[in-house]
Protein backbone atom coordinates (compact mmCIF):
# COMPACT_ATOMS: atom_id res chain seq x y z
CA MET A 1 -0.20 -0.23 -0.12
CA GLY A 2 1.37 2.97 -1.29
CA HIS A 3 2.14 6.06 1.95
CA GLU A 4 4.00 9.00 2.66
CA ARG A 5 7.10 7.90 4.40
CA ILE A 6 7.35 9.17 8.14
CA GLY A 7 9.96 8.84 11.09
CA THR A 8 8.87 8.60 14.78
CA LEU A 9 5.45 11.09 14.68
CA PRO A 10 6.37 13.88 17.44
CA LYS A 11 3.84 14.10 20.47
CA SER A 12 3.47 16.76 22.37
CA GLU A 13 2.95 14.37 25.19
CA ARG A 14 4.27 10.58 26.59
CA TRP A 15 1.69 8.22 27.38
CA ARG A 16 3.24 7.52 30.88
CA GLY A 17 3.55 10.94 31.98
CA ILE A 18 -0.70 11.31 31.25
CA VAL A 19 -1.23 8.45 33.47
CA ASN A 20 1.44 8.91 35.50
CA SER A 21 -1.08 13.19 36.01
CA ILE A 22 -4.42 10.73 36.12
CA SER A 23 -3.21 8.82 39.03
CA ASN A 24 -1.58 11.32 41.32
CA TYR A 25 -1.92 9.14 44.14
CA ALA A 26 1.05 7.07 46.49
CA HIS A 27 2.21 4.44 45.08
CA THR A 28 5.79 3.15 42.90
CA ASP A 29 6.46 4.99 39.66
CA ASN A 30 6.61 0.73 39.03
CA THR A 31 3.34 0.74 39.60
CA ILE A 32 2.51 3.70 36.46
CA VAL A 33 4.61 2.25 34.77
CA ASP A 34 2.87 -1.01 34.21
CA ILE A 35 -0.63 0.45 34.21
CA ALA A 36 0.73 2.58 31.17
CA ALA A 37 2.14 -0.75 29.63
CA GLN A 38 -0.48 -2.72 29.81
CA THR A 39 -3.59 -0.35 28.98
CA THR A 40 -1.69 0.14 25.27
CA LYS A 41 -0.74 -3.55 25.28
CA ASN A 42 -4.65 -4.42 26.15
CA VAL A 43 -5.59 -1.84 22.96
CA ARG A 44 -2.92 -3.70 20.55
CA TYR A 45 -4.53 -7.25 21.92
CA ARG A 46 -8.50 -5.78 20.56
CA PHE A 47 -6.79 -3.75 17.88
CA GLN A 48 -5.74 -7.31 15.48
CA ASN A 49 -7.60 -8.51 13.08
CA ILE A 50 -10.66 -6.26 14.63
CA GLU A 51 -11.46 -5.28 10.39
CA ASP A 52 -12.87 -8.58 10.89
CA ASP A 53 -14.98 -7.47 12.89
CA GLY A 54 -18.60 -6.89 11.29
CA GLY A 55 -19.59 -3.60 13.44
CA VAL A 56 -16.08 -2.32 12.40
CA PHE A 57 -16.06 -2.26 9.38
CA ALA A 58 -19.77 -0.99 8.59
CA ALA A 59 -18.67 1.71 10.22
CA PHE A 60 -15.78 2.70 8.53
CA LYS A 61 -17.19 1.48 5.27
CA TYR A 62 -20.48 4.02 6.15
CA VAL A 63 -18.54 6.91 5.88
CA LEU A 64 -16.36 5.98 3.25
CA THR A 65 -19.29 5.35 0.96
CA LEU A 66 -20.97 8.47 2.09
CA ALA A 67 -18.20 10.67 1.25
CA PHE A 68 -18.21 8.33 -2.62
CA ALA A 69 -21.72 8.86 -2.84
CA ALA A 70 -21.23 12.27 -1.82
CA LYS A 71 -20.95 13.98 -5.29
CA SER A 72 -22.33 11.43 -7.50
CA GLU A 73 -25.60 12.92 -9.72
CA ASP A 74 -27.42 10.18 -8.36
CA ALA A 75 -26.13 9.85 -4.67
CA PHE A 76 -28.81 8.57 -2.89
CA ALA A 77 -29.66 5.87 -5.26
CA LYS A 78 -25.94 4.79 -5.08
CA LEU A 79 -26.17 5.07 -0.99
CA ALA A 80 -29.65 2.33 -1.83
CA GLN A 81 -28.13 0.27 -3.07
CA GLN A 82 -25.15 0.28 -0.38
CA GLY A 83 -28.50 -0.33 1.85
CA ILE A 84 -27.83 3.29 3.67
CA GLU A 85 -31.51 5.11 3.42
CA LEU A 86 -31.34 8.35 4.07
CA PRO A 87 -33.92 11.59 3.52
CA LYS A 88 -32.67 14.01 1.10
CA ASP A 89 -32.93 16.31 3.13
CA PHE A 90 -31.20 14.59 5.59
CA SER A 91 -29.75 16.20 9.17
CA LEU A 92 -27.04 15.24 11.13
CA TYR A 93 -29.72 13.51 13.70
CA ASP A 94 -31.18 11.28 10.63
CA LEU A 95 -27.29 10.85 9.72
CA ALA A 96 -26.65 8.86 13.15
CA LEU A 97 -30.02 7.13 13.30
CA SER A 98 -28.60 5.84 9.84
CA ILE A 99 -25.37 4.95 10.80
CA GLN A 100 -26.84 3.45 14.54
CA SER A 101 -28.89 1.35 11.98
CA TYR A 102 -26.21 0.60 9.92
CA VAL A 103 -24.11 -0.67 12.01
CA ALA A 104 -26.56 -3.05 13.75
CA GLN A 105 -27.28 -4.70 10.99
CA ASN A 106 -23.87 -6.06 10.70
CA ALA A 107 -23.10 -6.36 14.55
CA GLU A 108 -21.06 -9.50 15.33
CA SER A 109 -19.02 -7.85 18.92
CA LYS A 110 -21.46 -5.54 21.22
CA GLU A 111 -18.25 -4.48 22.26
CA TYR A 112 -16.59 -3.50 19.18
CA SER A 113 -19.76 -2.29 17.51
CA ALA A 114 -20.80 0.24 20.27
CA PHE A 115 -17.31 1.87 20.65
CA ALA A 116 -17.37 1.18 16.37
CA THR A 117 -20.36 3.34 16.45
CA GLN A 118 -19.62 6.01 19.12
CA SER A 119 -16.46 6.55 17.13
CA MET A 120 -18.38 7.42 13.79
CA LEU A 121 -20.97 9.51 15.44
CA GLU A 122 -18.67 12.06 17.65
CA THR A 123 -16.62 12.23 14.08
CA ILE A 124 -19.08 13.30 12.01
CA GLY A 125 -20.21 15.43 14.15
CA GLN A 126 -16.67 17.06 14.54
CA TRP A 127 -15.89 16.71 11.08
CA ALA A 128 -19.73 19.27 9.92
CA LYS A 129 -18.87 21.91 12.99
CA HIS A 130 -15.29 22.41 10.76
CA ASN A 131 -16.53 22.17 7.55
CA GLU A 132 -19.69 23.09 7.76
CA THR A 133 -22.07 26.23 10.41
CA SER A 134 -25.92 24.94 8.87
CA GLN A 135 -25.20 21.08 9.69
CA THR A 136 -23.85 22.18 13.32
CA VAL A 137 -27.58 22.27 14.34
CA LEU A 138 -28.02 18.41 15.39
CA PHE A 139 -31.63 18.40 14.83
CA ASP A 140 -31.99 20.65 11.41
CA SER A 141 -32.83 19.70 8.57
CA ASN A 142 -30.18 21.27 5.16
CA ASP A 143 -31.26 20.84 1.42
CA LYS A 144 -27.35 20.64 0.98
CA GLY A 145 -27.04 17.89 3.06
CA LEU A 146 -24.13 16.34 0.21
CA GLU A 147 -22.29 19.27 0.01
CA LEU A 148 -21.22 18.63 3.11
CA TRP A 149 -20.19 15.19 2.19
CA GLN A 150 -18.44 15.76 -0.96
CA LYS A 151 -15.45 17.97 1.15
CA ALA A 152 -15.10 14.41 1.91
CA ALA A 153 -14.58 13.11 -1.65
CA ASN A 154 -10.91 13.01 -1.89
CA GLY A 155 -7.64 12.74 -0.93
CA ALA A 156 -7.26 15.70 1.71
CA GLY A 157 -10.74 15.28 2.56
CA PHE A 158 -10.98 11.45 3.68
CA CYS A 159 -7.57 11.23 4.91
CA GLU A 160 -8.49 13.87 7.40
CA LEU A 161 -11.88 12.01 8.51
CA SER A 162 -10.49 8.85 8.62
CA ARG A 163 -7.81 10.47 11.09
CA LEU A 164 -10.44 11.59 12.75
CA PHE A 165 -12.80 8.35 13.01
CA PHE A 166 -9.08 6.37 13.86
CA ALA A 167 -8.46 8.58 17.09
CA LYS A 168 -11.84 8.86 18.44
CA PHE A 169 -11.66 4.59 18.44
CA THR A 170 -8.23 4.92 19.96
CA GLU A 171 -9.25 7.21 22.58
CA ARG A 172 -12.67 5.01 23.81
CA TYR A 173 -10.32 2.22 24.20
CA LEU A 174 -7.31 3.99 25.50
CA LYS A 175 -9.96 5.48 28.28
CA TYR A 176 -11.32 1.95 28.80
CA PHE A 177 -8.78 -0.27 29.21
CA LEU A 178 -7.25 2.66 31.70
CA GLU A 179 -9.95 2.80 34.10
CA ARG A 180 -10.03 -0.96 34.17
CA GLU A 181 -5.88 -1.42 35.11
CA ALA A 182 -6.22 1.31 37.07
CA ALA A 183 -9.11 -0.96 38.86
CA ALA A 184 -7.09 -3.71 39.23
CA SER A 185 -4.21 -1.89 40.36
CA ILE A 186 -4.83 0.36 42.50
CA ASN A 187 -6.21 -1.76 45.95
CA SER A 188 -7.72 1.42 47.99
CA LEU A 189 -11.67 2.38 46.74
CA TYR A 190 -11.15 5.83 47.73
CA GLU A 191 -7.89 6.32 45.50
CA ARG A 192 -9.71 4.41 42.80
CA THR A 193 -12.48 6.66 43.21
CA GLN A 194 -9.90 9.71 43.11
CA PHE A 195 -8.36 8.18 39.92
CA ASN A 196 -11.78 7.88 38.21
CA LYS A 197 -12.56 11.21 38.72
CA ASN A 198 -8.35 12.48 37.85
CA LEU A 199 -9.31 10.87 34.47
CA GLU A 200 -12.43 12.68 33.94
CA GLN A 201 -10.70 15.88 34.02
CA HIS A 202 -7.70 14.70 31.61
CA VAL A 203 -9.86 13.46 28.96
CA GLU A 204 -8.69 16.58 26.49
CA ARG A 205 -5.43 14.98 27.06
CA ILE A 206 -6.34 11.84 26.71
CA SER A 207 -8.34 12.66 23.19
CA LYS A 208 -5.24 14.83 21.98
CA HIS A 209 -2.49 11.68 22.66
CA ALA A 210 -4.58 9.58 20.49
CA PHE A 211 -5.13 12.59 17.58
CA GLU A 212 -1.46 12.25 17.05
CA THR A 213 -1.15 9.03 17.27
CA SER A 214 -4.29 8.69 14.53
CA LYS A 215 -1.36 11.22 12.00
CA ILE A 216 0.07 7.48 10.93
CA VAL A 217 -2.94 6.57 9.20
CA GLN A 218 -3.50 10.31 7.84
CA SER A 219 -0.12 9.36 6.26
CA PHE A 220 -1.30 6.96 4.18
CA ALA A 221 -4.44 7.59 3.41
CA ALA A 222 -5.23 9.70 0.70
CA ALA A 223 -2.86 8.22 -1.60
CA TRP A 224 -5.41 5.02 -1.01
CA PHE A 225 -8.52 6.52 -1.84
CA ASN A 226 -7.21 8.11 -5.17
CA LYS A 227 -6.42 4.83 -5.96
CA GLU A 228 -8.99 3.01 -5.27
CA VAL A 229 -12.25 5.06 -4.62
CA LYS A 230 -11.90 8.30 -6.98
CA ALA A 231 -14.10 5.95 -9.56
CA LYS A 232 -15.77 3.46 -8.02
CA LEU A 233 -16.28 2.38 -4.44
CA PRO A 234 -12.98 -0.70 -3.30
CA THR A 235 -14.52 -4.32 -2.83
CA ASP A 236 -14.87 -5.27 1.10
CA ARG A 237 -12.23 -6.72 0.78
CA LYS A 238 -10.30 -3.44 -0.02
CA ILE A 239 -11.86 -1.43 2.56
CA GLN A 240 -10.88 -4.62 5.14
CA GLY A 241 -7.45 -4.81 4.12
CA PHE A 242 -6.85 -0.54 4.51
CA LEU A 243 -8.73 -1.11 7.83
CA SER A 244 -6.38 -4.11 8.71
CA PHE A 245 -2.96 -1.42 7.70
CA ALA A 246 -4.22 1.31 9.71
CA PHE A 247 -4.30 -0.69 12.96
CA LYS A 248 -1.21 -2.45 12.16
CA LYS A 249 0.46 0.94 12.50
CA ILE A 250 -1.79 2.76 14.92
CA ASN A 251 -0.48 -1.14 16.78
CA SER A 252 3.20 0.03 15.74
CA GLU A 253 3.25 3.29 17.52
CA LEU A 254 1.83 2.47 20.36
CA VAL A 255 4.42 0.16 20.73
CA ARG A 256 6.72 2.98 20.27
CA GLU A 257 4.79 4.58 22.95
CA GLU A 258 5.32 0.66 25.49
CA THR A 259 9.57 1.23 24.26
CA LYS A 260 9.40 4.52 26.15
CA ASN A 261 8.20 3.73 29.07
CA GLU A 262 10.87 0.98 29.96
């Protein structure tokens, strides 16, 4: 898969430093290292072959199909051919309901599908906020709804949209496993409660870290879109191949984080 070659991605904060700030309790430094390292290991384990899950695949295929069809005169017919039903004046609310329905129809693992759906809903909301003002009102219809998604129908737009999705997905899993590992490592109920409170206060830092980690996807997504998607919608196998490559790249970044913590 052709893509821009980049070296180690710079990050504003090390993962261990974020975990240390969230912890803020009287345990040894080794405990912090263990929690930070085990969290990323658990995320990496989850991401192995996750592209095979029907729900994760469906969430990504949905937004890819939307971006592809948006530039066509018969966009709604093309969407319908893929099982995506949307009113012509669809709002973000309509889009959210459609995504939830589409993923639910293809769901296998409840956990994967829930995380993928939530991540994609956050992705489309943030994309709309950054690219259009009229669709940021969730319940407002917009007879030019497709115009917003035409901005994702090229390499530059798609790489931004896909990076958002992978960032949101990675963020959710980092938070999920960080909370689990802390619960397993911290014996005091008070300290666990305090950790969870601190976790909510540091969500933006985790979000930023996940966004920086997902830059590795952005480095090859544009080239893939321009090659595989401009003329026709890729086969499921090709879409799955992209997802597999993307998650492997994210895992490679998480491995680098673990190495830094040693």
